[in-house]
Amino acid sequence: MDKLIETIVTAIQDKKGKDIVSLDLTGFDGAICSHFIVCNADSNAQVAGIADGIEKDVYEKLGQKLWRIEGQQNAFWIAMDYVDVVVHIFQSDLREFYKLEELWADAPMKKYEYEL
């Protein structure tokens, strides 16, 4: 799981995704997965590019296929499901509006710095 999270975060960083965090949901009954990874971008094209980069890198580096993806049609908010890890890629204003991290405020959170 750590390799999957690391690969996803690196793919987001490669596409200049912003404010990357992971939430550990393992201690929550009823959580749909063990980790959420959340980031944002400033345009539909960048949101879509981040999703494409994640899918490509995870498959090439780990041989793991994406189980399900939603939101590609408009690329305002794309959710990528890797079963144990769900990735949420928001346009910046929508992330601020939905405040997904606040819904899981009790979950341990790790923030990732932008890397060049």
PDB file of N, CA and C in Angstrom:
ATOM      1  N   MET A   1       0.819  -1.196   0.000  1.00  0.00           N
ATOM      2  CA  MET A   1       0.000   0.000   0.000  1.00  0.00           C
ATOM      3  C   MET A   1       0.861   1.258   0.000  1.00  0.00           C
ATOM      4  N   ASP A   2       1.950   1.247   0.761  1.00  0.00           N
ATOM      5  CA  ASP A   2       2.833   2.416   0.799  1.00  0.00           C
ATOM      6  C   ASP A   2       3.392   2.737  -0.583  1.00  0.00           C
ATOM      7  N   LYS A   3       3.726   1.701  -1.357  1.00  0.00           N
ATOM      8  CA  LYS A   3       4.256   1.902  -2.709  1.00  0.00           C
ATOM      9  C   LYS A   3       3.201   2.537  -3.604  1.00  0.00           C
ATOM     10  N   LEU A   4       1.949   2.103  -3.443  1.00  0.00           N
ATOM     11  CA  LEU A   4       0.861   2.671  -4.234  1.00  0.00           C
ATOM     12  C   LEU A   4       0.682   4.149  -3.901  1.00  0.00           C
ATOM     13  N   ILE A   5       0.635   4.473  -2.625  1.00  0.00           N
ATOM     14  CA  ILE A   5       0.477   5.871  -2.209  1.00  0.00           C
ATOM     15  C   ILE A   5       1.646   6.712  -2.718  1.00  0.00           C
ATOM     16  N   GLU A   6       2.856   6.205  -2.545  1.00  0.00           N
ATOM     17  CA  GLU A   6       4.053   6.923  -2.998  1.00  0.00           C
ATOM     18  C   GLU A   6       4.021   7.163  -4.505  1.00  0.00           C
ATOM     19  N   THR A   7       3.624   6.165  -5.269  1.00  0.00           N
ATOM     20  CA  THR A   7       3.558   6.283  -6.728  1.00  0.00           C
ATOM     21  C   THR A   7       2.505   7.304  -7.143  1.00  0.00           C
ATOM     22  N   ILE A   8       1.355   7.283  -6.489  1.00  0.00           N
ATOM     23  CA  ILE A   8       0.288   8.240  -6.794  1.00  0.00           C
ATOM     24  C   ILE A   8       0.731   9.663  -6.470  1.00  0.00           C
ATOM     25  N   VAL A   9       1.298   9.859  -5.295  1.00  0.00           N
ATOM     26  CA  VAL A   9       1.746  11.199  -4.887  1.00  0.00           C
ATOM     27  C   VAL A   9       2.805  11.724  -5.848  1.00  0.00           C
ATOM     28  N   THR A  10       3.760  10.889  -6.225  1.00  0.00           N
ATOM     29  CA  THR A  10       4.804  11.312  -7.162  1.00  0.00           C
ATOM     30  C   THR A  10       4.205  11.694  -8.515  1.00  0.00           C
ATOM     31  N   ALA A  11       3.220  10.927  -8.976  1.00  0.00           N
ATOM     32  CA  ALA A  11       2.559  11.244 -10.250  1.00  0.00           C
ATOM     33  C   ALA A  11       1.838  12.585 -10.169  1.00  0.00           C
ATOM     34  N   ILE A  12       1.210  12.863  -9.036  1.00  0.00           N
ATOM     35  CA  ILE A  12       0.538  14.155  -8.846  1.00  0.00           C
ATOM     36  C   ILE A  12       1.572  15.281  -8.857  1.00  0.00           C
ATOM     37  N   GLN A  13       2.666  15.081  -8.142  1.00  0.00           N
ATOM     38  CA  GLN A  13       3.724  16.095  -8.103  1.00  0.00           C
ATOM     39  C   GLN A  13       4.304  16.342  -9.494  1.00  0.00           C
ATOM     40  N   ASP A  14       4.461  15.283 -10.279  1.00  0.00           N
ATOM     41  CA  ASP A  14       5.007  15.415 -11.637  1.00  0.00           C
ATOM     42  C   ASP A  14       4.122  16.293 -12.522  1.00  0.00           C
ATOM     43  N   LYS A  15       2.818  16.290 -12.247  1.00  0.00           N
ATOM     44  CA  LYS A  15       1.865  17.091 -13.032  1.00  0.00           C
ATOM     45  C   LYS A  15       1.501  18.396 -12.330  1.00  0.00           C
ATOM     46  N   LYS A  16       2.280  18.748 -11.308  1.00  0.00           N
ATOM     47  CA  LYS A  16       2.130  20.019 -10.590  1.00  0.00           C
ATOM     48  C   LYS A  16       0.797  20.146  -9.838  1.00  0.00           C
ATOM     49  N   GLY A  17       0.288  19.013  -9.328  1.00  0.00           N
ATOM     50  CA  GLY A  17      -0.892  19.066  -8.482  1.00  0.00           C
ATOM     51  C   GLY A  17      -0.581  19.805  -7.196  1.00  0.00           C
ATOM     52  N   LYS A  18      -1.584  20.413  -6.605  1.00  0.00           N
ATOM     53  CA  LYS A  18      -1.385  21.275  -5.437  1.00  0.00           C
ATOM     54  C   LYS A  18      -1.987  20.660  -4.175  1.00  0.00           C
ATOM     55  N   ASP A  19      -1.425  21.074  -3.038  1.00  0.00           N
ATOM     56  CA  ASP A  19      -1.975  20.751  -1.713  1.00  0.00           C
ATOM     57  C   ASP A  19      -2.323  19.259  -1.571  1.00  0.00           C
ATOM     58  N   ILE A  20      -1.334  18.419  -1.794  1.00  0.00           N
ATOM     59  CA  ILE A  20      -1.539  16.967  -1.755  1.00  0.00           C
ATOM     60  C   ILE A  20      -1.565  16.492  -0.307  1.00  0.00           C
ATOM     61  N   VAL A  21      -2.606  15.741   0.035  1.00  0.00           N
ATOM     62  CA  VAL A  21      -2.702  15.142   1.363  1.00  0.00           C
ATOM     63  C   VAL A  21      -3.190  13.704   1.221  1.00  0.00           C
ATOM     64  N   SER A  22      -2.817  12.872   2.196  1.00  0.00           N
ATOM     65  CA  SER A  22      -3.413  11.541   2.294  1.00  0.00           C
ATOM     66  C   SER A  22      -4.064  11.435   3.662  1.00  0.00           C
ATOM     67  N   LEU A  23      -5.208  10.798   3.688  1.00  0.00           N
ATOM     68  CA  LEU A  23      -5.960  10.580   4.914  1.00  0.00           C
ATOM     69  C   LEU A  23      -5.998   9.085   5.186  1.00  0.00           C
ATOM     70  N   ASP A  24      -5.607   8.691   6.378  1.00  0.00           N
ATOM     71  CA  ASP A  24      -5.610   7.284   6.772  1.00  0.00           C
ATOM     72  C   ASP A  24      -6.961   6.973   7.406  1.00  0.00           C
ATOM     73  N   LEU A  25      -7.774   6.182   6.712  1.00  0.00           N
ATOM     74  CA  LEU A  25      -9.130   5.870   7.162  1.00  0.00           C
ATOM     75  C   LEU A  25      -9.244   4.487   7.776  1.00  0.00           C
ATOM     76  N   THR A  26      -8.107   3.854   8.049  1.00  0.00           N
ATOM     77  CA  THR A  26      -8.147   2.465   8.529  1.00  0.00           C
ATOM     78  C   THR A  26      -8.868   2.309   9.856  1.00  0.00           C
ATOM     79  N   GLY A  27      -8.930   3.327  10.672  1.00  0.00           N
ATOM     80  CA  GLY A  27      -9.580   3.219  11.973  1.00  0.00           C
ATOM     81  C   GLY A  27     -11.058   3.551  11.970  1.00  0.00           C
ATOM     82  N   PHE A  28     -11.644   3.748  10.792  1.00  0.00           N
ATOM     83  CA  PHE A  28     -13.036   4.180  10.709  1.00  0.00           C
ATOM     84  C   PHE A  28     -13.937   3.056  10.194  1.00  0.00           C
ATOM     85  N   ASP A  29     -14.911   2.672  11.005  1.00  0.00           N
ATOM     86  CA  ASP A  29     -15.903   1.693  10.545  1.00  0.00           C
ATOM     87  C   ASP A  29     -16.707   2.304   9.409  1.00  0.00           C
ATOM     88  N   GLY A  30     -16.931   1.536   8.385  1.00  0.00           N
ATOM     89  CA  GLY A  30     -17.744   1.996   7.271  1.00  0.00           C
ATOM     90  C   GLY A  30     -17.003   2.789   6.213  1.00  0.00           C
ATOM     91  N   ALA A  31     -15.716   3.027   6.403  1.00  0.00           N
ATOM     92  CA  ALA A  31     -14.952   3.735   5.368  1.00  0.00           C
ATOM     93  C   ALA A  31     -14.864   2.852   4.129  1.00  0.00           C
ATOM     94  N   ILE A  32     -14.989   3.456   2.964  1.00  0.00           N
ATOM     95  CA  ILE A  32     -15.009   2.684   1.725  1.00  0.00           C
ATOM     96  C   ILE A  32     -13.629   2.213   1.277  1.00  0.00           C
ATOM     97  N   CYS A  33     -12.585   2.743   1.899  1.00  0.00           N
ATOM     98  CA  CYS A  33     -11.214   2.384   1.543  1.00  0.00           C
ATOM     99  C   CYS A  33     -10.323   2.659   2.745  1.00  0.00           C
ATOM    100  N   SER A  34      -9.052   2.330   2.633  1.00  0.00           N
ATOM    101  CA  SER A  34      -8.153   2.576   3.759  1.00  0.00           C
ATOM    102  C   SER A  34      -7.479   3.947   3.687  1.00  0.00           C
ATOM    103  N   HIS A  35      -7.370   4.531   2.488  1.00  0.00           N
ATOM    104  CA  HIS A  35      -6.736   5.839   2.334  1.00  0.00           C
ATOM    105  C   HIS A  35      -7.424   6.660   1.252  1.00  0.00           C
ATOM    106  N   PHE A  36      -7.554   7.942   1.500  1.00  0.00           N
ATOM    107  CA  PHE A  36      -7.913   8.936   0.492  1.00  0.00           C
ATOM    108  C   PHE A  36      -6.648   9.724   0.192  1.00  0.00           C
ATOM    109  N   ILE A  37      -6.441  10.037  -1.070  1.00  0.00           N
ATOM    110  CA  ILE A  37      -5.428  11.009  -1.456  1.00  0.00           C
ATOM    111  C   ILE A  37      -6.188  12.130  -2.149  1.00  0.00           C
ATOM    112  N   VAL A  38      -5.936  13.361  -1.735  1.00  0.00           N
ATOM    113  CA  VAL A  38      -6.668  14.512  -2.251  1.00  0.00           C
ATOM    114  C   VAL A  38      -5.666  15.547  -2.762  1.00  0.00           C
ATOM    115  N   CYS A  39      -5.983  16.133  -3.911  1.00  0.00           N
ATOM    116  CA  CYS A  39      -5.181  17.230  -4.443  1.00  0.00           C
ATOM    117  C   CYS A  39      -6.080  18.128  -5.270  1.00  0.00           C
ATOM    118  N   ASN A  40      -5.523  19.221  -5.752  1.00  0.00           N
ATOM    119  CA  ASN A  40      -6.294  20.091  -6.634  1.00  0.00           C
ATOM    120  C   ASN A  40      -5.402  20.674  -7.720  1.00  0.00           C
ATOM    121  N   ALA A  41      -6.082  21.225  -8.732  1.00  0.00           N
ATOM    122  CA  ALA A  41      -5.410  21.830  -9.878  1.00  0.00           C
ATOM    123  C   ALA A  41      -6.271  22.999 -10.348  1.00  0.00           C
ATOM    124  N   ASP A  42      -5.707  23.845 -11.196  1.00  0.00           N
ATOM    125  CA  ASP A  42      -6.385  25.077 -11.572  1.00  0.00           C
ATOM    126  C   ASP A  42      -7.208  25.022 -12.851  1.00  0.00           C
ATOM    127  N   SER A  43      -7.172  23.910 -13.576  1.00  0.00           N
ATOM    128  CA  SER A  43      -7.944  23.832 -14.826  1.00  0.00           C
ATOM    129  C   SER A  43      -8.419  22.406 -15.058  1.00  0.00           C
ATOM    130  N   ASN A  44      -9.430  22.279 -15.910  1.00  0.00           N
ATOM    131  CA  ASN A  44      -9.929  20.956 -16.301  1.00  0.00           C
ATOM    132  C   ASN A  44      -8.819  20.135 -16.944  1.00  0.00           C
ATOM    133  N   ALA A  45      -8.037  20.780 -17.793  1.00  0.00           N
ATOM    134  CA  ALA A  45      -6.962  20.072 -18.489  1.00  0.00           C
ATOM    135  C   ALA A  45      -5.941  19.526 -17.495  1.00  0.00           C
ATOM    136  N   GLN A  46      -5.613  20.297 -16.462  1.00  0.00           N
ATOM    137  CA  GLN A  46      -4.640  19.829 -15.475  1.00  0.00           C
ATOM    138  C   GLN A  46      -5.232  18.708 -14.624  1.00  0.00           C
ATOM    139  N   VAL A  47      -6.504  18.823 -14.246  1.00  0.00           N
ATOM    140  CA  VAL A  47      -7.164  17.746 -13.488  1.00  0.00           C
ATOM    141  C   VAL A  47      -7.103  16.447 -14.295  1.00  0.00           C
ATOM    142  N   ALA A  48      -7.465  16.518 -15.569  1.00  0.00           N
ATOM    143  CA  ALA A  48      -7.426  15.341 -16.434  1.00  0.00           C
ATOM    144  C   ALA A  48      -6.004  14.822 -16.614  1.00  0.00           C
ATOM    145  N   GLY A  49      -5.044  15.734 -16.759  1.00  0.00           N
ATOM    146  CA  GLY A  49      -3.644  15.342 -16.919  1.00  0.00           C
ATOM    147  C   GLY A  49      -3.100  14.622 -15.694  1.00  0.00           C
ATOM    148  N   ILE A  50      -3.481  15.089 -14.513  1.00  0.00           N
ATOM    149  CA  ILE A  50      -3.059  14.424 -13.286  1.00  0.00           C
ATOM    150  C   ILE A  50      -3.626  13.010 -13.235  1.00  0.00           C
ATOM    151  N   ALA A  51      -4.902  12.867 -13.549  1.00  0.00           N
ATOM    152  CA  ALA A  51      -5.529  11.543 -13.541  1.00  0.00           C
ATOM    153  C   ALA A  51      -4.836  10.609 -14.532  1.00  0.00           C
ATOM    154  N   ASP A  52      -4.562  11.102 -15.727  1.00  0.00           N
ATOM    155  CA  ASP A  52      -3.873  10.286 -16.735  1.00  0.00           C
ATOM    156  C   ASP A  52      -2.486   9.880 -16.252  1.00  0.00           C
ATOM    157  N   GLY A  53      -1.768  10.825 -15.643  1.00  0.00           N
ATOM    158  CA  GLY A  53      -0.423  10.539 -15.134  1.00  0.00           C
ATOM    159  C   GLY A  53      -0.437   9.490 -14.036  1.00  0.00           C
ATOM    160  N   ILE A  54      -1.412   9.578 -13.134  1.00  0.00           N
ATOM    161  CA  ILE A  54      -1.528   8.581 -12.062  1.00  0.00           C
ATOM    162  C   ILE A  54      -1.781   7.204 -12.657  1.00  0.00           C
ATOM    163  N   GLU A  55      -2.769   7.121 -13.544  1.00  0.00           N
ATOM    164  CA  GLU A  55      -3.117   5.819 -14.133  1.00  0.00           C
ATOM    165  C   GLU A  55      -1.924   5.195 -14.848  1.00  0.00           C
ATOM    166  N   LYS A  56      -1.212   5.997 -15.628  1.00  0.00           N
ATOM    167  CA  LYS A  56      -0.047   5.518 -16.378  1.00  0.00           C
ATOM    168  C   LYS A  56       1.060   5.049 -15.435  1.00  0.00           C
ATOM    169  N   ASP A  57       1.420   5.890 -14.451  1.00  0.00           N
ATOM    170  CA  ASP A  57       2.530   5.561 -13.559  1.00  0.00           C
ATOM    171  C   ASP A  57       2.233   4.349 -12.684  1.00  0.00           C
ATOM    172  N   VAL A  58       1.026   4.264 -12.155  1.00  0.00           N
ATOM    173  CA  VAL A  58       0.679   3.122 -11.294  1.00  0.00           C
ATOM    174  C   VAL A  58       0.730   1.830 -12.099  1.00  0.00           C
ATOM    175  N   TYR A  59       0.245   1.868 -13.324  1.00  0.00           N
ATOM    176  CA  TYR A  59       0.284   0.655 -14.133  1.00  0.00           C
ATOM    177  C   TYR A  59       1.720   0.297 -14.527  1.00  0.00           C
ATOM    178  N   GLU A  60       2.496   1.297 -14.968  1.00  0.00           N
ATOM    179  CA  GLU A  60       3.865   1.022 -15.413  1.00  0.00           C
ATOM    180  C   GLU A  60       4.780   0.590 -14.267  1.00  0.00           C
ATOM    181  N   LYS A  61       4.639   1.209 -13.099  1.00  0.00           N
ATOM    182  CA  LYS A  61       5.553   0.925 -11.991  1.00  0.00           C
ATOM    183  C   LYS A  61       5.110  -0.229 -11.108  1.00  0.00           C
ATOM    184  N   LEU A  62       3.787  -0.410 -10.963  1.00  0.00           N
ATOM    185  CA  LEU A  62       3.285  -1.423 -10.035  1.00  0.00           C
ATOM    186  C   LEU A  62       2.456  -2.512 -10.710  1.00  0.00           C
ATOM    187  N   GLY A  63       2.130  -2.314 -11.985  1.00  0.00           N
ATOM    188  CA  GLY A  63       1.311  -3.292 -12.698  1.00  0.00           C
ATOM    189  C   GLY A  63      -0.125  -3.345 -12.206  1.00  0.00           C
ATOM    190  N   GLN A  64      -0.551  -2.300 -11.503  1.00  0.00           N
ATOM    191  CA  GLN A  64      -1.889  -2.285 -10.933  1.00  0.00           C
ATOM    192  C   GLN A  64      -2.813  -1.449 -11.810  1.00  0.00           C
ATOM    193  N   LYS A  65      -3.948  -2.039 -12.157  1.00  0.00           N
ATOM    194  CA  LYS A  65      -4.922  -1.336 -12.982  1.00  0.00           C
ATOM    195  C   LYS A  65      -5.914  -0.578 -12.117  1.00  0.00           C
ATOM    196  N   LEU A  66      -6.399   0.503 -12.667  1.00  0.00           N
ATOM    197  CA  LEU A  66      -7.440   1.302 -12.043  1.00  0.00           C
ATOM    198  C   LEU A  66      -8.727   0.496 -12.029  1.00  0.00           C
ATOM    199  N   TRP A  67      -9.384   0.436 -10.876  1.00  0.00           N
ATOM    200  CA  TRP A  67     -10.615  -0.340 -10.767  1.00  0.00           C
ATOM    201  C   TRP A  67     -11.795   0.430 -11.327  1.00  0.00           C
ATOM    202  N   ARG A  68     -11.880   1.717 -11.006  1.00  0.00           N
ATOM    203  CA  ARG A  68     -12.997   2.534 -11.460  1.00  0.00           C
ATOM    204  C   ARG A  68     -12.577   4.002 -11.445  1.00  0.00           C
ATOM    205  N   ILE A  69     -13.141   4.778 -12.363  1.00  0.00           N
ATOM    206  CA  ILE A  69     -12.871   6.224 -12.398  1.00  0.00           C
ATOM    207  C   ILE A  69     -14.173   6.951 -12.707  1.00  0.00           C
ATOM    208  N   GLU A  70     -14.382   8.079 -12.056  1.00  0.00           N
ATOM    209  CA  GLU A  70     -15.569   8.910 -12.278  1.00  0.00           C
ATOM    210  C   GLU A  70     -15.133  10.354 -12.473  1.00  0.00           C
ATOM    211  N   GLY A  71     -15.869  11.083 -13.296  1.00  0.00           N
ATOM    212  CA  GLY A  71     -15.652  12.511 -13.449  1.00  0.00           C
ATOM    213  C   GLY A  71     -14.814  12.924 -14.636  1.00  0.00           C
ATOM    214  N   GLN A  72     -14.413  11.978 -15.470  1.00  0.00           N
ATOM    215  CA  GLN A  72     -13.561  12.323 -16.617  1.00  0.00           C
ATOM    216  C   GLN A  72     -14.288  13.183 -17.649  1.00  0.00           C
ATOM    217  N   GLN A  73     -15.611  13.090 -17.687  1.00  0.00           N
ATOM    218  CA  GLN A  73     -16.378  13.803 -18.708  1.00  0.00           C
ATOM    219  C   GLN A  73     -16.158  15.308 -18.637  1.00  0.00           C
ATOM    220  N   ASN A  74     -16.166  15.865 -17.412  1.00  0.00           N
ATOM    221  CA  ASN A  74     -16.003  17.315 -17.295  1.00  0.00           C
ATOM    222  C   ASN A  74     -14.718  17.719 -16.577  1.00  0.00           C
ATOM    223  N   ALA A  75     -14.091  16.774 -15.893  1.00  0.00           N
ATOM    224  CA  ALA A  75     -12.805  16.993 -15.204  1.00  0.00           C
ATOM    225  C   ALA A  75     -12.839  18.143 -14.191  1.00  0.00           C
ATOM    226  N   PHE A  76     -13.992  18.315 -13.530  1.00  0.00           N
ATOM    227  CA  PHE A  76     -14.068  19.256 -12.407  1.00  0.00           C
ATOM    228  C   PHE A  76     -13.583  18.563 -11.129  1.00  0.00           C
ATOM    229  N   TRP A  77     -13.963  17.289 -11.010  1.00  0.00           N
ATOM    230  CA  TRP A  77     -13.599  16.467  -9.851  1.00  0.00           C
ATOM    231  C   TRP A  77     -13.505  15.034 -10.353  1.00  0.00           C
ATOM    232  N   ILE A  78     -12.322  14.490 -10.361  1.00  0.00           N
ATOM    233  CA  ILE A  78     -12.130  13.105 -10.796  1.00  0.00           C
ATOM    234  C   ILE A  78     -11.823  12.262  -9.567  1.00  0.00           C
ATOM    235  N   ALA A  79     -12.546  11.163  -9.437  1.00  0.00           N
ATOM    236  CA  ALA A  79     -12.301  10.200  -8.365  1.00  0.00           C
ATOM    237  C   ALA A  79     -11.775   8.919  -9.012  1.00  0.00           C
ATOM    238  N   MET A  80     -10.625   8.463  -8.515  1.00  0.00           N
ATOM    239  CA  MET A  80      -9.984   7.255  -9.044  1.00  0.00           C
ATOM    240  C   MET A  80      -9.949   6.211  -7.937  1.00  0.00           C
ATOM    241  N   ASP A  81     -10.462   5.029  -8.223  1.00  0.00           N
ATOM    242  CA  ASP A  81     -10.588   3.988  -7.211  1.00  0.00           C
ATOM    243  C   ASP A  81      -9.588   2.864  -7.482  1.00  0.00           C
ATOM    244  N   TYR A  82      -8.642   2.730  -6.556  1.00  0.00           N
ATOM    245  CA  TYR A  82      -7.686   1.621  -6.582  1.00  0.00           C
ATOM    246  C   TYR A  82      -8.012   0.632  -5.459  1.00  0.00           C
ATOM    247  N   VAL A  83      -9.273   0.500  -5.114  1.00  0.00           N
ATOM    248  CA  VAL A  83      -9.835  -0.373  -4.096  1.00  0.00           C
ATOM    249  C   VAL A  83      -9.456   0.090  -2.686  1.00  0.00           C
ATOM    250  N   ASP A  84      -8.197  -0.076  -2.268  1.00  0.00           N
ATOM    251  CA  ASP A  84      -7.796   0.356  -0.929  1.00  0.00           C
ATOM    252  C   ASP A  84      -7.462   1.838  -0.863  1.00  0.00           C
ATOM    253  N   VAL A  85      -7.178   2.443  -2.011  1.00  0.00           N
ATOM    254  CA  VAL A  85      -6.824   3.860  -2.077  1.00  0.00           C
ATOM    255  C   VAL A  85      -7.734   4.539  -3.098  1.00  0.00           C
ATOM    256  N   VAL A  86      -8.385   5.623  -2.678  1.00  0.00           N
ATOM    257  CA  VAL A  86      -9.211   6.418  -3.592  1.00  0.00           C
ATOM    258  C   VAL A  86      -8.578   7.795  -3.708  1.00  0.00           C
ATOM    259  N   VAL A  87      -8.389   8.231  -4.944  1.00  0.00           N
ATOM    260  CA  VAL A  87      -7.761   9.516  -5.231  1.00  0.00           C
ATOM    261  C   VAL A  87      -8.841  10.501  -5.675  1.00  0.00           C
ATOM    262  N   HIS A  88      -8.826  11.695  -5.079  1.00  0.00           N
ATOM    263  CA  HIS A  88      -9.747  12.765  -5.454  1.00  0.00           C
ATOM    264  C   HIS A  88      -8.923  13.916  -6.008  1.00  0.00           C
ATOM    265  N   ILE A  89      -9.193  14.268  -7.276  1.00  0.00           N
ATOM    266  CA  ILE A  89      -8.499  15.372  -7.931  1.00  0.00           C
ATOM    267  C   ILE A  89      -9.555  16.435  -8.230  1.00  0.00           C
ATOM    268  N   PHE A  90      -9.464  17.544  -7.542  1.00  0.00           N
ATOM    269  CA  PHE A  90     -10.451  18.610  -7.659  1.00  0.00           C
ATOM    270  C   PHE A  90      -9.909  19.786  -8.448  1.00  0.00           C
ATOM    271  N   GLN A  91     -10.810  20.536  -9.097  1.00  0.00           N
ATOM    272  CA  GLN A  91     -10.457  21.894  -9.465  1.00  0.00           C
ATOM    273  C   GLN A  91     -10.405  22.662  -8.156  1.00  0.00           C
ATOM    274  N   SER A  92      -9.519  23.627  -8.064  1.00  0.00           N
ATOM    275  CA  SER A  92      -9.245  24.300  -6.790  1.00  0.00           C
ATOM    276  C   SER A  92     -10.481  24.863  -6.105  1.00  0.00           C
ATOM    277  N   ASP A  93     -11.371  25.524  -6.852  1.00  0.00           N
ATOM    278  CA  ASP A  93     -12.552  26.111  -6.221  1.00  0.00           C
ATOM    279  C   ASP A  93     -13.524  25.052  -5.706  1.00  0.00           C
ATOM    280  N   LEU A  94     -13.621  23.927  -6.394  1.00  0.00           N
ATOM    281  CA  LEU A  94     -14.504  22.854  -5.919  1.00  0.00           C
ATOM    282  C   LEU A  94     -13.957  22.181  -4.670  1.00  0.00           C
ATOM    283  N   ARG A  95     -12.653  22.054  -4.593  1.00  0.00           N
ATOM    284  CA  ARG A  95     -12.082  21.470  -3.376  1.00  0.00           C
ATOM    285  C   ARG A  95     -12.407  22.349  -2.178  1.00  0.00           C
ATOM    286  N   GLU A  96     -12.293  23.630  -2.358  1.00  0.00           N
ATOM    287  CA  GLU A  96     -12.620  24.566  -1.282  1.00  0.00           C
ATOM    288  C   GLU A  96     -14.109  24.464  -0.906  1.00  0.00           C
ATOM    289  N   PHE A  97     -14.964  24.279  -1.913  1.00  0.00           N
ATOM    290  CA  PHE A  97     -16.404  24.199  -1.668  1.00  0.00           C
ATOM    291  C   PHE A  97     -16.779  22.914  -0.927  1.00  0.00           C
ATOM    292  N   TYR A  98     -16.264  21.766  -1.376  1.00  0.00           N
ATOM    293  CA  TYR A  98     -16.662  20.481  -0.789  1.00  0.00           C
ATOM    294  C   TYR A  98     -15.938  20.145   0.514  1.00  0.00           C
ATOM    295  N   LYS A  99     -14.744  20.671   0.701  1.00  0.00           N
ATOM    296  CA  LYS A  99     -13.997  20.481   1.949  1.00  0.00           C
ATOM    297  C   LYS A  99     -13.980  19.008   2.399  1.00  0.00           C
ATOM    298  N   LEU A 100     -13.597  18.142   1.487  1.00  0.00           N
ATOM    299  CA  LEU A 100     -13.601  16.705   1.750  1.00  0.00           C
ATOM    300  C   LEU A 100     -12.792  16.326   2.982  1.00  0.00           C
ATOM    301  N   GLU A 101     -11.655  16.975   3.162  1.00  0.00           N
ATOM    302  CA  GLU A 101     -10.816  16.657   4.330  1.00  0.00           C
ATOM    303  C   GLU A 101     -11.551  16.921   5.638  1.00  0.00           C
ATOM    304  N   GLU A 102     -12.420  17.916   5.663  1.00  0.00           N
ATOM    305  CA  GLU A 102     -13.145  18.232   6.892  1.00  0.00           C
ATOM    306  C   GLU A 102     -14.154  17.150   7.257  1.00  0.00           C
ATOM    307  N   LEU A 103     -14.650  16.434   6.264  1.00  0.00           N
ATOM    308  CA  LEU A 103     -15.574  15.330   6.544  1.00  0.00           C
ATOM    309  C   LEU A 103     -14.878  14.203   7.305  1.00  0.00           C
ATOM    310  N   TRP A 104     -13.572  14.112   7.128  1.00  0.00           N
ATOM    311  CA  TRP A 104     -12.759  13.086   7.784  1.00  0.00           C
ATOM    312  C   TRP A 104     -11.737  13.758   8.698  1.00  0.00           C
ATOM    313  N   ALA A 105     -12.154  14.770   9.411  1.00  0.00           N
ATOM    314  CA  ALA A 105     -11.243  15.595  10.217  1.00  0.00           C
ATOM    315  C   ALA A 105     -10.514  14.801  11.295  1.00  0.00           C
ATOM    316  N   ASP A 106     -11.085  13.689  11.755  1.00  0.00           N
ATOM    317  CA  ASP A 106     -10.446  12.874  12.785  1.00  0.00           C
ATOM    318  C   ASP A 106      -9.398  11.917  12.224  1.00  0.00           C
ATOM    319  N   ALA A 107      -9.339  11.795  10.904  1.00  0.00           N
ATOM    320  CA  ALA A 107      -8.396  10.866  10.283  1.00  0.00           C
ATOM    321  C   ALA A 107      -6.978  11.432  10.318  1.00  0.00           C
ATOM    322  N   PRO A 108      -5.987  10.582  10.599  1.00  0.00           N
ATOM    323  CA  PRO A 108      -4.597  11.037  10.502  1.00  0.00           C
ATOM    324  C   PRO A 108      -4.310  11.522   9.077  1.00  0.00           C
ATOM    325  N   MET A 109      -3.696  12.707   8.976  1.00  0.00           N
ATOM    326  CA  MET A 109      -3.436  13.317   7.675  1.00  0.00           C
ATOM    327  C   MET A 109      -1.938  13.518   7.475  1.00  0.00           C
ATOM    328  N   LYS A 110      -1.500  13.230   6.250  1.00  0.00           N
ATOM    329  CA  LYS A 110      -0.111  13.501   5.882  1.00  0.00           C
ATOM    330  C   LYS A 110      -0.137  14.472   4.718  1.00  0.00           C
ATOM    331  N   LYS A 111       0.629  15.560   4.853  1.00  0.00           N
ATOM    332  CA  LYS A 111       0.738  16.554   3.790  1.00  0.00           C
ATOM    333  C   LYS A 111       2.031  16.336   3.028  1.00  0.00           C
ATOM    334  N   TYR A 112       1.972  16.515   1.724  1.00  0.00           N
ATOM    335  CA  TYR A 112       3.151  16.321   0.884  1.00  0.00           C
ATOM    336  C   TYR A 112       3.559  17.657   0.304  1.00  0.00           C
ATOM    337  N   GLU A 113       4.818  17.956   0.425  1.00  0.00           N
ATOM    338  CA  GLU A 113       5.359  19.189  -0.128  1.00  0.00           C
ATOM    339  C   GLU A 113       5.525  19.028  -1.634  1.00  0.00           C
ATOM    340  N   TYR A 114       5.450  20.129  -2.318  1.00  0.00           N
ATOM    341  CA  TYR A 114       5.696  20.123  -3.763  1.00  0.00           C
ATOM    342  C   TYR A 114       7.169  19.853  -3.996  1.00  0.00           C
ATOM    343  N   GLU A 115       7.453  18.939  -4.903  1.00  0.00           N
ATOM    344  CA  GLU A 115       8.850  18.624  -5.248  1.00  0.00           C
ATOM    345  C   GLU A 115       9.099  18.971  -6.709  1.00  0.00           C
ATOM    346  N   LEU A 116      10.267  19.508  -6.973  1.00  0.00           N
ATOM    347  CA  LEU A 116      10.622  19.843  -8.360  1.00  0.00           C
ATOM    348  C   LEU A 116      11.122  18.627  -9.092  1.00  0.00           C
TER     349      LEU A 116
END
